[in-house]
């Protein structure tokens, strides 16, 4: 079964919880707070209120309220716009409600008498509370003499601090250790719009796209499909080596599930493309062809071609089973995309095919991958981690009777636990790859498919099938790596593909888009002028 990582980080509160907390404490008693409210209410109407509050001793206080926040600044709109937290739900803002710009609206104060001696302003005026015990100095004159601060709008602009231009390449800035390596998604995003991917890397937190409702719906569909094949089990990890080992165990279990059931999902792959480590996760691997008619039409070798074998045992043998790669995409409509819209999915599948083929052919140097992630291949796993994995995989613990009773005493080891470090898991991983792909890369079909499902309920919409084209992939990767290595600027979409800009959150700041619009209008005017001159 598939296993997932359980983070050991301390609990993090939700944004809602943080929004409702105050960064400022209060030394006022309940009664004092009520009195302050009354004073502020009176001041809000243009009057100066003076009041006293009694607690264990009677206190006299005079205050003048101004529309300022805790930092002594006038209440008003922030010059930088609303923060992400406040923009989500203004009703949960813990600050007083505001009217227009620079104004402060206070709720009417309550007049409350309590058993603790708290008195309202009316009781104080009537002399119900003695006023001759403890007195605070009258600061109203000093406070009123203070000059009001200049509103934000009238403050001189601060001189802009010019940042030095970052001359590093995108590869050095975003995909060099200790950051994660290049991923298949990086190149799929570039196939949609390189400039959008550049803006995402440089302008969004963590270099990740803003999560949308459509993305959340797609994630739910993917999780539902994975749950049909795998059962997730939480495993606590104590080091980055254990986290990586968990990923290796998931690959091993995924291949075993494929051999046993004919299908597996979310299989992680690694490899080297254009001299760079590349990582990705394949949505689906199956022994069932996604498009038998198209496969027959192209005369491609398939698992179905062996149905004519005289021996059922020969037909069912693993050497005659092809493995088909499928990428699952979700949509909000029942129509299937076409043209440039399916280019990213094609790039994804071609890269998955390349990486998996290299792993099946035993062409991957895993020590290079360990080095790229900063892992120690010989670091021993903790006993807690080994116990958890041992409950999921029997081969973790050697069978002492069968494995050691015939071993010479000088070679006997009391350690009955196998796969104590990452480097010890690699031989098992290679053996599982050999068993799953007995003919190496030839066991993987060249027929690739994009499967479309509706994001609302996950229902199947259709396939888009095509044949792997290694030549086209090589050309694309060479050109895209030129941008990653800083050999050229990122490119935007063509005029024919500007429809993509309708969903881009960077459309308003994209100079490429503005230049293309100007180019289009220029061509349109020129065509109109030519037509008018021809007519005359």
Protein backbone atom coordinates (compact mmCIF):
# COMPACT_ATOMS: atom_id res chain seq x y z
CA UNK A 1 0.00 0.00 0.00
CA UNK A 2 1.14 3.54 -0.50
CA UNK A 3 2.47 5.41 2.48
CA UNK A 4 2.53 9.11 3.14
CA UNK A 5 4.70 11.36 5.26
CA UNK A 6 3.45 12.76 8.55
CA UNK A 7 5.11 16.09 9.33
CA UNK A 8 6.63 16.48 12.78
CA UNK A 9 6.52 20.27 12.65
CA UNK A 10 4.70 22.09 15.41
CA UNK A 11 1.05 22.76 14.81
CA UNK A 12 0.31 25.87 12.80
CA UNK A 13 -2.88 27.77 13.40
CA UNK A 14 -5.22 28.69 10.60
CA UNK A 15 -5.32 32.24 9.32
CA UNK A 16 -8.71 32.73 10.94
CA UNK A 17 -7.20 31.90 14.34
CA UNK A 18 -4.35 34.33 13.87
CA UNK A 19 -6.63 37.12 12.67
CA UNK A 20 -8.70 36.95 15.83
CA UNK A 21 -5.65 37.28 18.10
CA UNK A 22 -4.34 40.68 19.17
CA UNK A 23 -0.69 41.62 19.24
CA UNK A 24 -1.36 44.04 22.08
CA UNK A 25 -2.25 43.22 25.67
CA UNK A 26 -4.47 45.25 27.98
CA UNK A 27 -4.03 46.28 31.60
CA UNK A 28 -7.55 47.71 31.91
CA UNK A 29 -10.14 46.11 34.12
CA UNK A 30 -13.62 45.50 32.78
CA UNK A 31 -14.94 48.69 34.33
CA UNK A 32 -12.06 50.77 33.08
CA UNK A 33 -12.62 49.51 29.55
CA UNK A 34 -16.27 50.56 29.75
CA UNK A 35 -15.30 54.01 30.95
CA UNK A 36 -12.79 54.41 28.14
CA UNK A 37 -15.48 53.40 25.68
CA UNK A 38 -17.76 56.16 27.01
CA UNK A 39 -14.97 58.73 26.81
CA UNK A 40 -14.19 57.74 23.23
CA UNK A 41 -17.88 57.87 22.31
CA UNK A 42 -18.14 61.39 23.70
CA UNK A 43 -15.00 62.46 21.87
CA UNK A 44 -16.31 60.94 18.66
CA UNK A 45 -19.16 63.47 18.86
CA UNK A 46 -16.70 66.36 19.21
CA UNK A 47 -16.75 66.67 23.05
CA UNK A 48 -14.03 65.98 25.58
CA UNK A 49 -15.15 63.49 28.20
CA UNK A 50 -13.74 63.22 31.68
CA UNK A 51 -14.57 60.30 33.86
CA UNK A 52 -13.40 58.19 36.75
CA UNK A 53 -13.54 54.54 37.47
CA UNK A 54 -13.43 52.84 40.82
CA UNK A 55 -11.84 49.51 41.51
CA UNK A 56 -10.08 48.66 44.77
CA UNK A 57 -9.33 52.35 44.91
CA UNK A 58 -11.04 55.20 43.12
CA UNK A 59 -9.19 56.41 40.04
CA UNK A 60 -9.63 59.60 38.09
CA UNK A 61 -8.61 59.72 34.42
CA UNK A 62 -8.97 62.23 31.66
CA UNK A 63 -8.38 61.18 28.03
CA UNK A 64 -8.68 62.69 24.61
CA UNK A 65 -9.34 60.18 21.81
CA UNK A 66 -7.96 60.57 18.31
CA UNK A 67 -8.40 58.38 15.30
CA UNK A 68 -5.02 56.66 15.62
CA UNK A 69 -3.88 53.10 15.73
CA UNK A 70 -1.54 51.43 18.22
CA UNK A 71 1.51 52.87 16.48
CA UNK A 72 0.25 56.43 16.82
CA UNK A 73 -0.59 56.67 13.12
CA UNK A 74 -3.92 57.95 11.82
CA UNK A 75 -6.44 55.26 10.95
CA UNK A 76 -6.84 55.03 7.23
CA UNK A 77 -6.23 52.80 4.24
CA UNK A 78 -2.75 51.25 4.09
CA UNK A 79 -0.56 52.69 1.34
CA UNK A 80 0.28 49.15 0.33
CA UNK A 81 -3.32 47.89 0.02
CA UNK A 82 -4.99 45.23 2.12
CA UNK A 83 -2.96 42.34 3.44
CA UNK A 84 -3.76 38.82 2.26
CA UNK A 85 -5.28 38.00 5.63
CA UNK A 86 -7.55 41.03 5.77
CA UNK A 87 -8.62 40.74 2.16
CA UNK A 88 -9.96 37.24 2.69
CA UNK A 89 -12.74 38.24 5.03
CA UNK A 90 -13.09 41.84 6.18
CA UNK A 91 -15.76 40.85 8.69
CA UNK A 92 -13.11 39.17 10.83
CA UNK A 93 -10.92 42.26 11.08
CA UNK A 94 -10.20 42.85 14.75
CA UNK A 95 -9.71 46.61 14.30
CA UNK A 96 -12.64 49.05 14.74
CA UNK A 97 -14.89 49.42 11.75
CA UNK A 98 -13.94 52.34 9.57
CA UNK A 99 -16.02 54.73 7.58
CA UNK A 100 -14.41 56.74 4.82
CA UNK A 101 -10.68 57.18 4.32
CA UNK A 102 -9.00 58.53 7.42
CA UNK A 103 -12.13 58.27 9.56
CA UNK A 104 -12.74 56.23 12.68
CA UNK A 105 -16.20 55.04 13.66
CA UNK A 106 -16.65 53.80 17.23
CA UNK A 107 -19.56 51.83 18.59
CA UNK A 108 -21.60 53.56 21.35
CA UNK A 109 -20.21 52.88 24.81
CA UNK A 110 -22.16 50.77 27.28
CA UNK A 111 -23.14 52.09 30.72
CA UNK A 112 -22.74 49.15 33.07
CA UNK A 113 -22.69 48.76 36.85
CA UNK A 114 -20.95 45.67 38.19
CA UNK A 115 -20.31 44.14 41.60
CA UNK A 116 -16.60 44.95 41.35
CA UNK A 117 -17.18 48.67 41.84
CA UNK A 118 -17.19 49.67 38.18
CA UNK A 119 -19.18 52.87 37.65
CA UNK A 120 -20.59 54.56 34.58
CA UNK A 121 -19.95 58.20 33.71
CA UNK A 122 -23.45 59.16 34.91
CA UNK A 123 -22.81 57.73 38.39
CA UNK A 124 -19.52 59.55 38.60
CA UNK A 125 -21.20 62.84 37.73
CA UNK A 126 -23.72 62.23 40.53
CA UNK A 127 -20.90 61.71 43.03
CA UNK A 128 -21.74 58.09 43.70
CA UNK A 129 -18.02 57.30 43.71
CA UNK A 130 -15.49 59.23 45.86
CA UNK A 131 -13.12 61.32 43.77
CA UNK A 132 -10.48 62.19 46.38
CA UNK A 133 -8.41 59.03 46.63
CA UNK A 134 -5.94 58.68 43.78
CA UNK A 135 -5.66 61.21 40.95
CA UNK A 136 -3.85 61.08 37.66
CA UNK A 137 -2.43 64.31 36.19
CA UNK A 138 -4.57 66.11 33.62
CA UNK A 139 -2.83 65.54 30.29
CA UNK A 140 -5.56 66.97 28.07
CA UNK A 141 -3.69 70.23 27.46
CA UNK A 142 -0.45 68.47 26.58
CA UNK A 143 -2.22 66.08 24.26
CA UNK A 144 -4.20 68.80 22.51
CA UNK A 145 -1.03 70.79 21.87
CA UNK A 146 0.49 68.02 19.81
CA UNK A 147 0.54 68.79 16.12
CA UNK A 148 -1.45 66.31 14.03
CA UNK A 149 0.64 64.04 11.92
CA UNK A 150 0.66 64.51 8.19
CA UNK A 151 -1.84 62.14 6.56
CA UNK A 152 -0.42 59.39 4.37
CA UNK A 153 -1.58 61.14 1.25
CA UNK A 154 0.41 64.30 2.14
CA UNK A 155 3.60 62.60 3.24
CA UNK A 156 6.48 63.00 0.78
CA UNK A 157 7.21 59.76 -1.05
CA UNK A 158 10.12 57.79 0.25
CA UNK A 159 13.03 57.52 -2.15
CA UNK A 160 12.92 54.18 -3.93
CA UNK A 161 15.77 51.88 -3.06
CA UNK A 162 17.02 50.33 -6.23
CA UNK A 163 17.81 46.67 -5.89
CA UNK A 164 20.78 45.30 -7.66
CA UNK A 165 19.77 43.24 -10.66
CA UNK A 166 20.04 39.53 -10.01
CA UNK A 167 22.38 38.25 -12.70
CA UNK A 168 21.95 34.59 -11.83
CA UNK A 169 20.24 32.32 -14.32
CA UNK A 170 16.77 30.90 -13.54
CA UNK A 171 18.42 27.53 -12.99
CA UNK A 172 20.80 29.00 -10.42
CA UNK A 173 18.11 31.03 -8.67
CA UNK A 174 15.30 28.51 -8.44
CA UNK A 175 16.51 24.97 -9.15
CA UNK A 176 19.91 24.66 -7.50
CA UNK A 177 20.58 22.99 -4.14
CA UNK A 178 19.20 23.47 -1.53
CA UNK A 179 16.14 24.20 -3.66
CA UNK A 180 14.38 21.30 -5.35
CA UNK A 181 15.62 20.09 -8.76
CA UNK A 182 13.87 20.66 -12.05
CA UNK A 183 10.51 18.94 -12.37
CA UNK A 184 8.40 17.76 -15.27
CA UNK A 185 5.88 20.43 -14.29
CA UNK A 186 8.52 23.12 -14.91
CA UNK A 187 8.74 22.17 -18.57
CA UNK A 188 4.99 21.65 -18.93
CA UNK A 189 4.45 25.17 -17.57
CA UNK A 190 6.94 26.50 -20.11
CA UNK A 191 4.99 24.79 -22.87
CA UNK A 192 1.94 26.85 -21.85
CA UNK A 193 3.76 30.18 -21.43
CA UNK A 194 7.38 30.67 -20.41
CA UNK A 195 6.78 34.24 -19.33
CA UNK A 196 3.93 33.21 -17.03
CA UNK A 197 6.20 30.61 -15.43
CA UNK A 198 8.91 33.26 -14.98
CA UNK A 199 6.44 35.60 -13.27
CA UNK A 200 5.29 32.73 -11.05
CA UNK A 201 8.84 31.94 -9.97
CA UNK A 202 9.78 35.55 -9.29
CA UNK A 203 6.57 37.12 -7.97
CA UNK A 204 4.59 34.47 -6.09
CA UNK A 205 5.45 33.00 -2.67
CA UNK A 206 7.51 29.86 -3.04
CA UNK A 207 7.40 30.17 -6.83
CA UNK A 208 4.06 28.35 -6.91
CA UNK A 209 0.82 29.26 -8.63
CA UNK A 210 -1.98 30.75 -6.60
CA UNK A 211 -4.38 27.97 -5.63
CA UNK A 212 -7.74 28.35 -7.34
CA UNK A 213 -11.08 26.58 -6.96
CA UNK A 214 -10.39 24.77 -10.24
CA UNK A 215 -7.06 23.49 -8.92
CA UNK A 216 -8.70 22.31 -5.71
CA UNK A 217 -11.35 20.45 -7.70
CA UNK A 218 -8.67 18.76 -9.78
CA UNK A 219 -6.77 17.72 -6.65
CA UNK A 220 -9.91 16.09 -5.25
CA UNK A 221 -10.39 14.06 -8.44
CA UNK A 222 -6.75 12.92 -8.42
CA UNK A 223 -6.95 11.94 -4.76
CA UNK A 224 -10.15 9.99 -5.37
CA UNK A 225 -8.52 8.06 -8.22
CA UNK A 226 -5.45 7.30 -6.12
CA UNK A 227 -7.59 6.07 -3.23
CA UNK A 228 -9.11 3.48 -5.59
CA UNK A 229 -5.68 1.87 -5.95
CA UNK A 230 -3.70 2.70 -2.82
CA UNK A 231 -4.39 2.92 0.89
CA UNK A 232 -2.43 5.72 2.55
CA UNK A 233 -0.63 5.01 5.82
CA UNK A 234 1.03 7.74 7.86
CA UNK A 235 4.70 7.23 8.65
CA UNK A 236 6.66 9.50 10.98
CA UNK A 237 10.08 10.52 9.71
CA UNK A 238 13.09 11.93 11.54
CA UNK A 239 15.50 12.88 8.72
CA UNK A 240 15.57 13.85 5.07
CA UNK A 241 17.10 10.45 4.29
CA UNK A 242 14.06 8.75 5.80
CA UNK A 243 11.77 11.03 3.77
CA UNK A 244 13.55 10.03 0.57
CA UNK A 245 13.51 6.36 1.56
CA UNK A 246 9.77 6.61 1.97
CA UNK A 247 9.51 7.83 -1.61
CA UNK A 248 11.57 4.85 -2.78
CA UNK A 249 9.35 2.44 -0.86
CA UNK A 250 6.31 4.01 -2.51
CA UNK A 251 7.83 3.35 -5.95
CA UNK A 252 8.50 -0.26 -5.02
CA UNK A 253 4.97 -0.73 -3.71
CA UNK A 254 3.56 0.99 -6.79
CA UNK A 255 5.31 -1.44 -9.13
CA UNK A 256 4.10 -4.40 -7.08
CA UNK A 257 0.54 -3.08 -7.29
CA UNK A 258 0.93 -2.76 -11.07
CA UNK A 259 2.03 -6.39 -11.39
CA UNK A 260 -0.74 -7.64 -9.09
CA UNK A 261 -3.69 -5.57 -10.29
CA UNK A 262 -2.67 -4.30 -13.74
CA UNK A 263 -2.78 -0.64 -12.70
CA UNK A 264 -1.01 1.78 -10.39
CA UNK A 265 -1.17 5.51 -9.83
CA UNK A 266 1.16 8.33 -8.70
CA UNK A 267 4.45 6.59 -9.51
CA UNK A 268 7.47 8.84 -8.94
CA UNK A 269 10.35 8.83 -11.42
CA UNK A 270 13.82 10.40 -11.62
CA UNK A 271 16.39 10.79 -14.32
CA UNK A 272 18.78 13.10 -16.14
CA UNK A 273 17.73 15.24 -19.10
CA UNK A 274 20.11 17.71 -20.77
CA UNK A 275 22.58 17.09 -17.96
CA UNK A 276 20.12 18.10 -15.21
CA UNK A 277 18.37 15.97 -12.60
CA UNK A 278 14.64 15.80 -13.35
CA UNK A 279 11.81 14.54 -11.16
CA UNK A 280 8.14 13.80 -11.85
CA UNK A 281 5.10 11.76 -10.77
CA UNK A 282 3.18 9.72 -13.36
CA UNK A 283 -0.58 9.79 -12.86
CA UNK A 284 -1.31 6.28 -14.13
CA UNK A 285 0.44 3.16 -15.44
CA UNK A 286 -1.67 0.30 -16.75
CA UNK A 287 -1.53 -2.91 -18.78
CA UNK A 288 -4.72 -1.84 -20.56
CA UNK A 289 -4.38 0.18 -23.72
CA UNK A 290 -6.14 3.55 -23.52
CA UNK A 291 -7.06 3.54 -27.22
CA UNK A 292 -7.05 0.12 -28.87
CA UNK A 293 -8.47 1.29 -32.21
CA UNK A 294 -5.87 4.03 -32.57
CA UNK A 295 -3.15 1.57 -31.59
CA UNK A 296 -4.26 -0.91 -34.26
CA UNK A 297 -4.57 1.86 -36.81
CA UNK A 298 -0.94 2.82 -36.25
CA UNK A 299 0.11 -0.85 -36.22
CA UNK A 300 1.87 -0.44 -32.89
CA UNK A 301 2.85 -3.52 -30.85
CA UNK A 302 0.46 -3.98 -27.96
CA UNK A 303 -0.61 -6.40 -25.27
CA UNK A 304 -3.70 -7.22 -27.36
CA UNK A 305 -1.57 -8.51 -30.23
CA UNK A 306 -0.68 -11.53 -28.13
CA UNK A 307 -4.26 -12.71 -27.80
CA UNK A 308 -3.69 -14.96 -30.81
CA UNK A 309 -0.98 -16.97 -29.00
CA UNK A 310 -1.84 -20.63 -28.66
CA UNK A 311 -0.62 -20.78 -25.09
CA UNK A 312 -2.55 -18.86 -22.47
CA UNK A 313 0.47 -19.09 -20.17
CA UNK A 314 2.62 -17.48 -22.86
CA UNK A 315 0.07 -14.72 -23.40
CA UNK A 316 -0.22 -13.97 -19.70
CA UNK A 317 3.54 -13.90 -19.23
CA UNK A 318 4.99 -10.57 -18.09
CA UNK A 319 7.29 -10.36 -21.12
CA UNK A 320 4.26 -9.87 -23.39
CA UNK A 321 2.57 -7.17 -21.35
CA UNK A 322 3.08 -3.56 -22.37
CA UNK A 323 2.75 -0.75 -19.90
CA UNK A 324 0.81 2.34 -20.95
CA UNK A 325 1.34 5.81 -19.48
CA UNK A 326 -1.63 8.12 -18.93
CA UNK A 327 -1.80 11.66 -17.59
CA UNK A 328 -5.10 12.69 -15.98
CA UNK A 329 -6.43 16.22 -16.50
CA UNK A 330 -9.62 17.75 -15.14
CA UNK A 331 -11.93 20.24 -16.83
CA UNK A 332 -14.91 22.35 -15.89
CA UNK A 333 -16.73 21.65 -19.17
CA UNK A 334 -17.53 18.54 -21.17
CA UNK A 335 -15.53 19.63 -24.22
CA UNK A 336 -11.98 18.41 -24.83
CA UNK A 337 -9.12 20.84 -25.53
CA UNK A 338 -7.25 20.88 -28.83
CA UNK A 339 -4.30 22.53 -30.53
CA UNK A 340 -1.88 24.48 -28.36
CA UNK A 341 -3.98 23.79 -25.24
CA UNK A 342 -2.81 20.15 -25.09
CA UNK A 343 0.88 20.95 -25.64
CA UNK A 344 1.76 21.00 -21.88
CA UNK A 345 0.20 17.56 -21.33
CA UNK A 346 2.13 16.18 -24.30
CA UNK A 347 5.40 17.51 -22.91
CA UNK A 348 4.57 15.94 -19.54
CA UNK A 349 3.92 12.51 -21.00
CA UNK A 350 6.98 12.59 -23.26
CA UNK A 351 9.17 13.38 -20.26
CA UNK A 352 7.51 10.69 -18.13
CA UNK A 353 8.14 8.22 -20.95
CA UNK A 354 11.81 9.26 -21.13
CA UNK A 355 12.42 9.06 -17.37
CA UNK A 356 10.62 5.75 -16.86
CA UNK A 357 12.36 4.21 -19.87
CA UNK A 358 15.76 5.13 -18.45
CA UNK A 359 14.85 3.66 -15.05
CA UNK A 360 13.56 0.46 -16.69
CA UNK A 361 16.78 0.18 -18.74
CA UNK A 362 18.91 0.70 -15.60
CA UNK A 363 20.48 3.88 -16.97
CA UNK A 364 19.94 6.01 -13.86
CA UNK A 365 22.87 6.77 -11.54
CA UNK A 366 21.12 7.06 -8.18
CA UNK A 367 24.25 8.31 -6.40
CA UNK A 368 24.01 11.50 -8.51
CA UNK A 369 20.41 11.91 -7.37
CA UNK A 370 21.46 11.48 -3.71
CA UNK A 371 24.11 14.15 -4.18
CA UNK A 372 21.64 16.54 -5.82
CA UNK A 373 19.28 16.25 -2.84
CA UNK A 374 22.13 16.53 -0.34
CA UNK A 375 21.52 13.01 1.01
CA UNK A 376 23.89 10.63 2.76
CA UNK A 377 23.24 7.26 1.17
CA UNK A 378 24.85 5.44 4.12
CA UNK A 379 23.01 7.28 6.92
CA UNK A 380 21.24 4.75 9.12
CA UNK A 381 17.49 5.04 9.61
CA UNK A 382 16.05 5.42 13.09
CA UNK A 383 14.61 2.40 14.86
CA UNK A 384 11.18 4.02 14.90
CA UNK A 385 11.21 4.46 11.13
CA UNK A 386 12.38 0.87 10.58
CA UNK A 387 9.62 -0.45 12.83
CA UNK A 388 6.97 1.45 10.87
CA UNK A 389 8.28 0.31 7.48
CA UNK A 390 8.70 -3.24 8.81
CA UNK A 391 4.96 -3.35 9.49
CA UNK A 392 4.35 -2.58 5.79
CA UNK A 393 7.10 -4.62 4.11
CA UNK A 394 7.98 -8.10 5.36
CA UNK A 395 11.39 -8.13 3.69
CA UNK A 396 12.65 -5.50 6.13
CA UNK A 397 13.21 -8.30 8.67
CA UNK A 398 15.26 -11.28 7.61
CA UNK A 399 13.93 -14.76 8.37
CA UNK A 400 16.61 -15.96 10.77
CA UNK A 401 15.83 -19.66 10.24
CA UNK A 402 16.04 -19.56 6.45
CA UNK A 403 18.64 -16.86 5.94
CA UNK A 404 21.22 -17.46 8.66
CA UNK A 405 21.21 -21.09 9.77
CA UNK A 406 23.38 -22.11 6.81
CA UNK A 407 25.73 -19.09 7.03
CA UNK A 408 29.30 -19.63 8.32
CA UNK A 409 29.72 -18.36 11.90
CA UNK A 410 32.35 -15.82 10.85
CA UNK A 411 29.86 -14.13 8.49
CA UNK A 412 26.91 -14.19 10.85
CA UNK A 413 25.56 -10.79 11.91
CA UNK A 414 23.13 -10.33 14.79
CA UNK A 415 21.43 -7.52 12.86
CA UNK A 416 18.34 -9.15 11.35
CA UNK A 417 17.10 -5.92 9.77
CA UNK A 418 17.67 -5.18 6.11
CA UNK A 419 17.57 -1.91 4.16
CA UNK A 420 18.98 0.20 6.98
CA UNK A 421 19.94 3.08 4.65
CA UNK A 422 19.06 4.47 1.22
CA UNK A 423 21.95 2.80 -0.57
CA UNK A 424 20.67 -0.60 0.60
CA UNK A 425 17.23 0.05 -0.91
CA UNK A 426 18.58 0.76 -4.43
CA UNK A 427 19.36 -2.92 -5.27
CA UNK A 428 15.79 -3.84 -4.28
CA UNK A 429 14.44 -0.98 -6.40
CA UNK A 430 16.43 -2.19 -9.42
CA UNK A 431 15.20 -5.76 -8.91
CA UNK A 432 11.59 -4.54 -8.79
CA UNK A 433 12.15 -2.52 -11.98
CA UNK A 434 13.58 -5.59 -13.71
CA UNK A 435 10.59 -7.69 -12.70
CA UNK A 436 8.06 -5.03 -13.71
CA UNK A 437 9.79 -4.16 -17.00
CA UNK A 438 11.39 -7.47 -18.06
CA UNK A 439 12.34 -6.11 -21.51
CA UNK A 440 13.61 -2.83 -20.16
CA UNK A 441 12.35 0.26 -21.98
CA UNK A 442 10.79 -1.99 -24.65
CA UNK A 443 8.18 -3.00 -22.07
CA UNK A 444 6.78 0.55 -22.17
CA UNK A 445 4.37 1.31 -24.99
CA UNK A 446 4.96 4.33 -27.22
CA UNK A 447 1.23 5.06 -27.14
CA UNK A 448 0.64 7.87 -24.66
CA UNK A 449 -2.72 9.25 -23.58
CA UNK A 450 -4.19 12.25 -21.81
CA UNK A 451 -7.35 11.31 -19.94
CA UNK A 452 -9.89 14.05 -19.24
CA UNK A 453 -12.32 13.98 -16.34
CA UNK A 454 -14.84 16.51 -15.09
CA UNK A 455 -13.57 18.23 -11.98
CA UNK A 456 -17.00 18.37 -10.32
CA UNK A 457 -17.62 14.63 -10.10
CA UNK A 458 -14.63 12.94 -11.77
CA UNK A 459 -16.64 11.43 -14.61
CA UNK A 460 -14.68 10.35 -17.69
CA UNK A 461 -14.85 12.76 -20.64
CA UNK A 462 -12.47 11.30 -23.20
CA UNK A 463 -8.90 10.61 -24.31
CA UNK A 464 -6.32 12.40 -26.40
CA UNK A 465 -3.82 9.81 -27.64
CA UNK A 466 -0.54 10.26 -29.49
CA UNK A 467 2.73 8.44 -30.19
CA UNK A 468 5.95 9.25 -28.35
CA UNK A 469 8.22 11.44 -30.47
CA UNK A 470 11.71 11.50 -28.97
CA UNK A 471 13.04 13.85 -31.65
CA UNK A 472 10.44 16.51 -30.91
CA UNK A 473 11.13 16.19 -27.18
CA UNK A 474 14.88 16.65 -27.69
CA UNK A 475 14.33 19.85 -29.68
CA UNK A 476 11.94 21.27 -27.10
CA UNK A 477 14.20 20.44 -24.15
CA UNK A 478 17.28 21.98 -25.77
CA UNK A 479 15.43 25.22 -26.47
CA UNK A 480 13.78 25.38 -23.05
CA UNK A 481 17.05 24.69 -21.24
CA UNK A 482 18.57 27.68 -23.03
CA UNK A 483 16.16 29.86 -21.05
CA UNK A 484 16.82 28.03 -17.78
CA UNK A 485 20.56 28.54 -18.31
CA UNK A 486 20.13 32.24 -19.04
CA UNK A 487 21.05 32.02 -22.72
CA UNK A 488 17.83 33.74 -23.81
CA UNK A 489 14.89 35.68 -22.38
CA UNK A 490 11.58 33.95 -21.54
CA UNK A 491 9.04 34.05 -24.35
CA UNK A 492 5.33 34.77 -24.20
CA UNK A 493 2.53 33.35 -26.29
CA UNK A 494 1.93 33.98 -29.97
CA UNK A 495 -0.89 36.22 -31.17
CA UNK A 496 -2.93 33.11 -31.99
CA UNK A 497 -2.59 31.92 -28.38
CA UNK A 498 -3.39 35.18 -26.58
CA UNK A 499 -6.63 33.58 -25.38
CA UNK A 500 -4.45 32.10 -22.62
CA UNK A 501 -4.01 35.60 -21.18
CA UNK A 502 -7.65 35.62 -20.06
CA UNK A 503 -6.77 33.24 -17.21
CA UNK A 504 -3.35 34.69 -16.39
CA UNK A 505 -3.00 36.61 -13.13
CA UNK A 506 -0.07 38.56 -14.61
CA UNK A 507 -1.90 39.87 -17.67
CA UNK A 508 -2.00 43.46 -16.37
CA UNK A 509 1.78 43.69 -15.93
CA UNK A 510 2.87 41.58 -18.91
CA UNK A 511 4.83 43.73 -21.35
CA UNK A 512 4.88 40.89 -23.87
CA UNK A 513 1.08 40.97 -24.00
CA UNK A 514 1.04 44.75 -24.47
CA UNK A 515 3.58 44.49 -27.30
CA UNK A 516 1.55 41.77 -29.00
CA UNK A 517 -1.63 43.84 -28.73
CA UNK A 518 0.17 46.81 -30.32
CA UNK A 519 1.49 44.53 -33.04
CA UNK A 520 -1.98 43.17 -33.72
CA UNK A 521 -3.54 46.65 -33.91
CA UNK A 522 -0.78 47.83 -36.22
CA UNK A 523 -1.39 44.91 -38.58
CA UNK A 524 -5.13 45.50 -38.44
CA UNK A 525 -4.75 49.20 -39.31
CA UNK A 526 -2.33 48.38 -42.09
CA UNK A 527 -4.72 45.83 -43.55
CA UNK A 528 -7.58 48.29 -43.37
CA UNK A 529 -5.50 50.97 -45.08
CA UNK A 530 -4.49 48.55 -47.84
CA UNK A 531 -8.11 47.56 -48.37
CA UNK A 532 -9.19 51.21 -48.63
CA UNK A 533 -6.40 52.05 -51.07
CA UNK A 534 -7.32 49.06 -53.22
CA UNK A 535 -10.97 50.10 -53.23
CA UNK A 536 -10.09 53.61 -54.35
